[in-house]
N, C-alpha and C. Protein backbone atom coordinates (compact mmCIF):
# COMPACT_ATOMS: atom_id res chain seq x y z
N MET A 1 72.98 -124.85 -86.52
CA MET A 1 72.38 -125.91 -85.75
C MET A 1 73.24 -127.17 -85.92
N GLU A 2 73.41 -127.89 -84.83
CA GLU A 2 74.18 -129.13 -84.84
C GLU A 2 73.39 -130.21 -84.11
N ILE A 3 73.28 -131.38 -84.74
CA ILE A 3 72.49 -132.48 -84.19
C ILE A 3 73.35 -133.74 -84.24
N THR A 4 73.40 -134.48 -83.13
CA THR A 4 74.14 -135.74 -83.11
C THR A 4 73.16 -136.90 -83.02
N LEU A 5 73.35 -137.88 -83.90
CA LEU A 5 72.53 -139.09 -83.91
C LEU A 5 73.40 -140.27 -83.50
N THR A 6 72.86 -141.17 -82.69
CA THR A 6 73.59 -142.37 -82.29
C THR A 6 72.90 -143.57 -82.91
N GLY A 7 73.68 -144.39 -83.61
CA GLY A 7 73.14 -145.56 -84.28
C GLY A 7 73.09 -146.77 -83.37
N LYS A 8 72.54 -147.87 -83.91
CA LYS A 8 72.41 -149.12 -83.16
C LYS A 8 73.77 -149.64 -82.69
N ASN A 9 74.78 -149.49 -83.52
CA ASN A 9 76.11 -149.99 -83.19
C ASN A 9 76.97 -148.92 -82.48
N ASN A 10 76.31 -147.96 -81.85
CA ASN A 10 76.95 -146.87 -81.10
C ASN A 10 77.82 -145.95 -81.95
N THR A 11 77.65 -145.98 -83.26
CA THR A 11 78.33 -145.00 -84.10
C THR A 11 77.55 -143.70 -84.01
N GLU A 12 78.27 -142.60 -84.13
CA GLU A 12 77.62 -141.29 -84.06
C GLU A 12 77.82 -140.52 -85.35
N LEU A 13 76.75 -139.87 -85.78
CA LEU A 13 76.81 -138.93 -86.90
C LEU A 13 76.44 -137.56 -86.35
N THR A 14 77.18 -136.55 -86.78
CA THR A 14 76.85 -135.19 -86.41
C THR A 14 76.41 -134.46 -87.66
N LEU A 15 75.21 -133.89 -87.62
CA LEU A 15 74.70 -133.11 -88.74
C LEU A 15 74.90 -131.64 -88.40
N LYS A 16 75.58 -130.93 -89.29
CA LYS A 16 75.77 -129.50 -89.13
C LYS A 16 74.95 -128.82 -90.22
N VAL A 17 73.96 -128.06 -89.77
CA VAL A 17 73.00 -127.44 -90.67
C VAL A 17 73.30 -125.96 -90.77
N ASN A 18 73.47 -125.47 -92.00
CA ASN A 18 73.65 -124.03 -92.19
C ASN A 18 72.66 -123.52 -93.23
N ARG A 19 72.86 -122.33 -93.71
CA ARG A 19 71.86 -121.72 -94.61
C ARG A 19 71.79 -122.34 -96.00
N SER A 20 72.84 -123.00 -96.44
CA SER A 20 72.82 -123.49 -97.83
C SER A 20 73.05 -124.99 -97.98
N ASN A 21 73.46 -125.68 -96.90
CA ASN A 21 73.67 -127.12 -97.03
C ASN A 21 73.60 -127.80 -95.67
N ILE A 22 73.65 -129.13 -95.72
CA ILE A 22 73.67 -129.95 -94.51
C ILE A 22 74.88 -130.86 -94.62
N GLU A 23 75.76 -130.77 -93.63
CA GLU A 23 76.99 -131.57 -93.64
C GLU A 23 76.90 -132.67 -92.60
N VAL A 24 77.49 -133.82 -92.94
CA VAL A 24 77.50 -134.99 -92.06
C VAL A 24 78.94 -135.27 -91.65
N TYR A 25 79.17 -135.38 -90.34
CA TYR A 25 80.50 -135.61 -89.78
C TYR A 25 80.50 -136.84 -88.89
N ALA A 26 81.69 -137.47 -88.75
CA ALA A 26 81.87 -138.58 -87.81
C ALA A 26 83.33 -138.62 -87.39
N GLU A 27 83.61 -139.41 -86.35
CA GLU A 27 84.97 -139.53 -85.84
C GLU A 27 85.83 -140.44 -86.70
N LEU A 28 85.21 -141.25 -87.54
CA LEU A 28 85.94 -142.16 -88.43
C LEU A 28 85.68 -141.76 -89.88
N PRO A 29 86.67 -141.99 -90.76
CA PRO A 29 86.49 -141.59 -92.17
C PRO A 29 85.57 -142.51 -92.96
N GLN A 30 85.27 -143.68 -92.40
CA GLN A 30 84.38 -144.61 -93.09
C GLN A 30 83.51 -145.31 -92.05
N ILE A 31 82.19 -145.19 -92.17
CA ILE A 31 81.31 -145.85 -91.20
C ILE A 31 80.05 -146.38 -91.87
N ASN A 32 79.48 -147.39 -91.22
CA ASN A 32 78.14 -147.87 -91.55
C ASN A 32 77.27 -147.48 -90.36
N PHE A 33 76.31 -146.62 -90.61
CA PHE A 33 75.44 -146.11 -89.56
C PHE A 33 74.10 -146.80 -89.66
N GLU A 34 73.80 -147.66 -88.68
CA GLU A 34 72.53 -148.40 -88.66
C GLU A 34 71.61 -147.73 -87.65
N TYR A 35 70.43 -147.33 -88.09
CA TYR A 35 69.50 -146.66 -87.19
C TYR A 35 68.33 -147.56 -86.82
N SER A 36 67.66 -147.21 -85.75
CA SER A 36 66.59 -148.00 -85.15
C SER A 36 65.42 -148.21 -86.10
N ASP A 37 64.78 -149.37 -85.96
CA ASP A 37 63.60 -149.69 -86.76
C ASP A 37 62.45 -148.73 -86.49
N SER A 38 62.41 -148.19 -85.29
CA SER A 38 61.30 -147.30 -84.93
C SER A 38 61.55 -145.85 -85.36
N PHE A 39 62.71 -145.59 -85.94
CA PHE A 39 63.09 -144.22 -86.32
C PHE A 39 62.98 -144.06 -87.84
N SER A 40 62.31 -143.02 -88.29
CA SER A 40 62.23 -142.73 -89.72
C SER A 40 63.27 -141.67 -90.07
N MET A 41 64.39 -142.12 -90.59
CA MET A 41 65.47 -141.19 -90.97
C MET A 41 64.99 -140.24 -92.06
N SER A 42 64.18 -140.74 -92.99
CA SER A 42 63.71 -139.87 -94.08
C SER A 42 62.86 -138.73 -93.52
N GLN A 43 61.93 -139.03 -92.62
CA GLN A 43 61.09 -137.98 -92.03
C GLN A 43 61.92 -136.97 -91.25
N PHE A 44 62.89 -137.47 -90.50
CA PHE A 44 63.78 -136.61 -89.72
C PHE A 44 64.54 -135.65 -90.64
N LEU A 45 65.12 -136.19 -91.72
CA LEU A 45 65.88 -135.36 -92.66
C LEU A 45 64.99 -134.38 -93.41
N ILE A 46 63.79 -134.79 -93.75
CA ILE A 46 62.84 -133.90 -94.44
C ILE A 46 62.52 -132.70 -93.55
N GLU A 47 62.31 -132.95 -92.26
CA GLU A 47 62.03 -131.86 -91.32
C GLU A 47 63.20 -130.87 -91.25
N ILE A 48 64.41 -131.39 -91.17
CA ILE A 48 65.59 -130.52 -91.10
C ILE A 48 65.78 -129.77 -92.42
N ALA A 49 65.67 -130.50 -93.53
CA ALA A 49 65.86 -129.88 -94.85
C ALA A 49 64.83 -128.79 -95.11
N SER A 50 63.62 -128.97 -94.60
CA SER A 50 62.57 -127.96 -94.79
C SER A 50 62.90 -126.65 -94.07
N LYS A 51 63.74 -126.71 -93.07
CA LYS A 51 64.18 -125.50 -92.37
C LYS A 51 65.27 -124.77 -93.16
N VAL A 52 66.03 -125.53 -93.94
CA VAL A 52 67.11 -124.94 -94.76
C VAL A 52 66.55 -124.42 -96.08
N TRP A 53 65.73 -125.23 -96.74
CA TRP A 53 65.17 -124.88 -98.04
C TRP A 53 63.64 -124.85 -97.90
N LYS A 54 63.06 -123.69 -98.01
CA LYS A 54 61.62 -123.49 -97.74
C LYS A 54 60.70 -124.37 -98.58
N ASP A 55 61.03 -124.59 -99.85
CA ASP A 55 60.16 -125.36 -100.73
C ASP A 55 60.66 -126.80 -100.92
N PHE A 56 61.25 -127.38 -99.89
CA PHE A 56 61.86 -128.71 -99.98
C PHE A 56 60.80 -129.80 -100.11
N LYS A 57 60.97 -130.66 -101.11
CA LYS A 57 60.13 -131.83 -101.33
C LYS A 57 61.03 -132.95 -101.88
N PRO A 58 60.95 -134.16 -101.32
CA PRO A 58 61.73 -135.27 -101.88
C PRO A 58 61.35 -135.52 -103.33
N LYS A 59 62.36 -135.79 -104.16
CA LYS A 59 62.14 -136.06 -105.59
C LYS A 59 63.08 -137.15 -106.05
N GLU A 60 62.60 -137.91 -107.02
CA GLU A 60 63.42 -138.95 -107.62
C GLU A 60 64.59 -138.31 -108.37
N ALA A 61 65.75 -138.95 -108.31
CA ALA A 61 66.92 -138.44 -109.04
C ALA A 61 66.66 -138.53 -110.54
N ASN A 62 66.91 -137.43 -111.24
CA ASN A 62 66.69 -137.44 -112.69
C ASN A 62 67.85 -136.81 -113.45
N SER A 63 68.96 -136.57 -112.75
CA SER A 63 70.14 -136.01 -113.40
C SER A 63 71.38 -136.36 -112.59
N PHE A 64 72.54 -136.16 -113.19
CA PHE A 64 73.80 -136.43 -112.49
C PHE A 64 73.92 -135.55 -111.25
N SER A 65 73.46 -134.32 -111.32
CA SER A 65 73.60 -133.40 -110.18
C SER A 65 72.70 -133.79 -109.00
N SER A 66 71.70 -134.62 -109.24
CA SER A 66 70.83 -135.05 -108.14
C SER A 66 71.23 -136.41 -107.59
N ASP A 67 72.23 -137.05 -108.19
CA ASP A 67 72.71 -138.35 -107.73
C ASP A 67 73.56 -138.15 -106.48
N TYR A 68 73.13 -138.71 -105.36
CA TYR A 68 73.80 -138.49 -104.08
C TYR A 68 74.91 -139.50 -103.80
N CYS A 69 75.17 -140.45 -104.67
CA CYS A 69 76.16 -141.50 -104.39
C CYS A 69 77.55 -140.94 -104.09
N GLU A 70 77.86 -139.79 -104.65
CA GLU A 70 79.15 -139.17 -104.34
C GLU A 70 79.02 -137.65 -104.33
N PHE A 71 79.93 -137.03 -103.60
CA PHE A 71 80.00 -135.57 -103.62
C PHE A 71 81.46 -135.17 -103.73
N TYR A 72 81.70 -134.05 -104.37
CA TYR A 72 83.06 -133.56 -104.58
C TYR A 72 83.37 -132.48 -103.55
N ASP A 73 84.46 -132.66 -102.82
CA ASP A 73 84.92 -131.67 -101.86
C ASP A 73 86.04 -130.85 -102.52
N ARG A 74 85.74 -129.61 -102.85
CA ARG A 74 86.72 -128.75 -103.53
C ARG A 74 87.98 -128.53 -102.71
N LYS A 75 87.78 -128.33 -101.41
CA LYS A 75 88.93 -128.04 -100.54
C LYS A 75 89.93 -129.20 -100.54
N LEU A 76 89.42 -130.43 -100.51
CA LEU A 76 90.30 -131.61 -100.51
C LEU A 76 90.57 -132.15 -101.90
N ASP A 77 89.86 -131.63 -102.90
CA ASP A 77 89.98 -132.10 -104.28
C ASP A 77 89.81 -133.62 -104.35
N ASN A 78 88.72 -134.09 -103.72
CA ASN A 78 88.48 -135.52 -103.65
C ASN A 78 86.98 -135.77 -103.45
N ASN A 79 86.56 -137.01 -103.66
CA ASN A 79 85.16 -137.38 -103.53
C ASN A 79 84.86 -138.10 -102.23
N GLY A 80 83.65 -137.89 -101.71
CA GLY A 80 83.11 -138.67 -100.60
C GLY A 80 81.96 -139.49 -101.16
N TYR A 81 81.61 -140.57 -100.46
CA TYR A 81 80.61 -141.49 -100.99
C TYR A 81 79.55 -141.81 -99.95
N LEU A 82 78.34 -142.07 -100.44
CA LEU A 82 77.20 -142.41 -99.59
C LEU A 82 76.39 -143.49 -100.29
N GLU A 83 76.00 -144.50 -99.52
CA GLU A 83 75.19 -145.58 -100.07
C GLU A 83 74.13 -145.98 -99.03
N ILE A 84 72.93 -146.24 -99.50
CA ILE A 84 71.88 -146.76 -98.64
C ILE A 84 71.92 -148.28 -98.73
N LEU A 85 72.16 -148.93 -97.59
CA LEU A 85 72.20 -150.39 -97.54
C LEU A 85 70.90 -150.91 -96.94
N GLN A 86 70.70 -152.20 -97.00
CA GLN A 86 69.52 -152.82 -96.38
C GLN A 86 69.60 -152.66 -94.87
N ASN A 87 68.54 -152.99 -94.18
CA ASN A 87 68.46 -152.97 -92.71
C ASN A 87 68.71 -151.59 -92.12
N LYS A 88 68.21 -150.54 -92.78
CA LYS A 88 68.31 -149.17 -92.27
C LYS A 88 69.76 -148.80 -91.93
N THR A 89 70.63 -149.03 -92.88
CA THR A 89 72.05 -148.72 -92.71
C THR A 89 72.50 -147.77 -93.81
N LEU A 90 73.22 -146.72 -93.40
CA LEU A 90 73.81 -145.77 -94.33
C LEU A 90 75.32 -145.96 -94.29
N SER A 91 75.92 -146.10 -95.45
CA SER A 91 77.37 -146.30 -95.54
C SER A 91 78.01 -145.02 -96.06
N PHE A 92 78.94 -144.47 -95.28
CA PHE A 92 79.63 -143.23 -95.63
C PHE A 92 81.12 -143.48 -95.78
N GLU A 93 81.73 -142.82 -96.75
CA GLU A 93 83.19 -142.81 -96.90
C GLU A 93 83.60 -141.37 -97.17
N ALA A 94 84.43 -140.83 -96.29
CA ALA A 94 84.86 -139.44 -96.40
C ALA A 94 85.82 -139.25 -97.56
N PRO A 95 85.91 -138.03 -98.09
CA PRO A 95 86.95 -137.73 -99.06
C PRO A 95 88.31 -138.02 -98.42
N TYR A 96 89.25 -138.47 -99.20
CA TYR A 96 90.57 -138.86 -98.67
C TYR A 96 91.28 -137.70 -97.99
N VAL A 97 91.77 -137.98 -96.79
CA VAL A 97 92.56 -137.01 -96.02
C VAL A 97 93.78 -137.76 -95.50
N GLU A 98 94.97 -137.18 -95.67
CA GLU A 98 96.19 -137.86 -95.22
C GLU A 98 96.32 -137.92 -93.71
N GLU A 99 96.06 -136.80 -93.03
CA GLU A 99 96.28 -136.76 -91.59
C GLU A 99 95.01 -137.13 -90.81
N LYS A 100 95.21 -137.69 -89.62
CA LYS A 100 94.09 -138.04 -88.75
C LYS A 100 93.39 -136.76 -88.29
N GLN A 101 92.07 -136.82 -88.19
CA GLN A 101 91.29 -135.66 -87.78
C GLN A 101 90.38 -136.03 -86.61
N LYS A 102 89.96 -135.01 -85.88
CA LYS A 102 89.02 -135.21 -84.78
C LYS A 102 87.65 -135.62 -85.33
N GLN A 103 87.22 -134.94 -86.39
CA GLN A 103 85.97 -135.27 -87.09
C GLN A 103 86.22 -135.20 -88.59
N TYR A 104 85.63 -136.12 -89.32
CA TYR A 104 85.75 -136.16 -90.77
C TYR A 104 84.45 -135.70 -91.40
N LEU A 105 84.56 -134.85 -92.41
CA LEU A 105 83.39 -134.50 -93.20
C LEU A 105 83.10 -135.70 -94.09
N LEU A 106 81.97 -136.35 -93.84
CA LEU A 106 81.60 -137.53 -94.63
C LEU A 106 80.83 -137.15 -95.88
N TYR A 107 79.97 -136.14 -95.74
CA TYR A 107 79.11 -135.79 -96.86
C TYR A 107 78.58 -134.37 -96.70
N ARG A 108 78.40 -133.69 -97.83
CA ARG A 108 77.79 -132.35 -97.84
C ARG A 108 76.61 -132.40 -98.81
N PHE A 109 75.41 -132.25 -98.26
CA PHE A 109 74.19 -132.26 -99.08
C PHE A 109 73.85 -130.86 -99.55
N ASN A 110 73.62 -130.72 -100.85
CA ASN A 110 72.94 -129.54 -101.35
C ASN A 110 71.45 -129.92 -101.46
N LYS A 111 70.63 -128.99 -101.86
CA LYS A 111 69.19 -129.24 -101.89
C LYS A 111 68.83 -130.42 -102.80
N ARG A 112 69.35 -130.43 -104.00
CA ARG A 112 68.95 -131.45 -104.97
C ARG A 112 69.38 -132.86 -104.54
N LYS A 113 70.59 -132.98 -104.01
CA LYS A 113 71.05 -134.29 -103.55
C LYS A 113 70.23 -134.76 -102.34
N MET A 114 69.89 -133.83 -101.46
CA MET A 114 69.07 -134.19 -100.29
C MET A 114 67.67 -134.62 -100.74
N GLN A 115 67.12 -133.97 -101.76
CA GLN A 115 65.80 -134.35 -102.27
C GLN A 115 65.80 -135.80 -102.76
N SER A 116 66.78 -136.17 -103.55
CA SER A 116 66.81 -137.52 -104.10
C SER A 116 67.16 -138.54 -103.02
N PHE A 117 68.03 -138.17 -102.07
CA PHE A 117 68.37 -139.07 -100.97
C PHE A 117 67.14 -139.35 -100.11
N CYS A 118 66.41 -138.32 -99.73
CA CYS A 118 65.19 -138.50 -98.92
C CYS A 118 64.15 -139.32 -99.67
N TYR A 119 64.03 -139.10 -100.97
CA TYR A 119 63.09 -139.87 -101.79
C TYR A 119 63.43 -141.36 -101.72
N ASP A 120 64.69 -141.70 -102.01
CA ASP A 120 65.10 -143.10 -102.01
C ASP A 120 65.00 -143.72 -100.63
N LEU A 121 65.39 -142.97 -99.62
CA LEU A 121 65.33 -143.46 -98.25
C LEU A 121 63.88 -143.73 -97.83
N ALA A 122 62.97 -142.84 -98.16
CA ALA A 122 61.55 -143.02 -97.84
C ALA A 122 60.99 -144.25 -98.55
N GLN A 123 61.38 -144.46 -99.81
CA GLN A 123 60.91 -145.63 -100.56
C GLN A 123 61.39 -146.91 -99.89
N LEU A 124 62.65 -146.94 -99.47
CA LEU A 124 63.22 -148.12 -98.82
C LEU A 124 62.56 -148.36 -97.45
N GLU A 125 62.32 -147.29 -96.70
CA GLU A 125 61.66 -147.43 -95.40
C GLU A 125 60.24 -147.97 -95.56
N LYS A 126 59.52 -147.50 -96.58
CA LYS A 126 58.16 -148.01 -96.84
C LYS A 126 58.21 -149.50 -97.16
N THR A 127 59.15 -149.88 -98.02
CA THR A 127 59.29 -151.28 -98.44
C THR A 127 59.62 -152.16 -97.25
N SER A 128 60.59 -151.75 -96.42
CA SER A 128 60.97 -152.57 -95.28
C SER A 128 59.85 -152.65 -94.25
N LYS A 129 59.04 -151.60 -94.14
CA LYS A 129 57.90 -151.60 -93.22
C LYS A 129 56.85 -152.61 -93.69
N ILE A 130 56.59 -152.64 -94.99
CA ILE A 130 55.61 -153.57 -95.56
C ILE A 130 56.10 -155.01 -95.41
N ILE A 131 57.39 -155.24 -95.67
CA ILE A 131 57.96 -156.59 -95.52
C ILE A 131 57.89 -157.03 -94.07
N GLY A 132 58.19 -156.11 -93.13
CA GLY A 132 58.13 -156.41 -91.71
C GLY A 132 56.73 -156.75 -91.24
N GLN A 133 55.72 -156.12 -91.83
CA GLN A 133 54.33 -156.37 -91.44
C GLN A 133 53.84 -157.72 -91.96
N SER A 134 54.38 -158.18 -93.07
CA SER A 134 53.91 -159.43 -93.66
C SER A 134 54.53 -160.66 -93.00
N ASN A 135 55.56 -160.47 -92.18
CA ASN A 135 56.21 -161.61 -91.51
C ASN A 135 55.50 -162.00 -90.24
């Protein structure tokens, strides 16, 4: 399964879902993907992850293996990075590649990293929703 998301700043992320992981691709090796206020990225990812892993539930990170800030790409022998920024923005940096590519693998989620990412994302979305309601 392949799903393309378009952000507020017209950046696109392509999610490639297979039996054991979820990969994130883009045309640039480094992007900030800002999504709409009306869109719950955490709910969307939970729905997709539940199709890959039957017993999927978001969980707080409690070990190095569940920390989603970086992932190691064996093929490239390099790390990719992911950060959740304020204002519903996800910052991705692909593992280093010398040659230009049509699409860059930004991130590869295994079950545990996706659980902690969805947990943190849901917490941030709840917080920003509460702050938005109080203004």
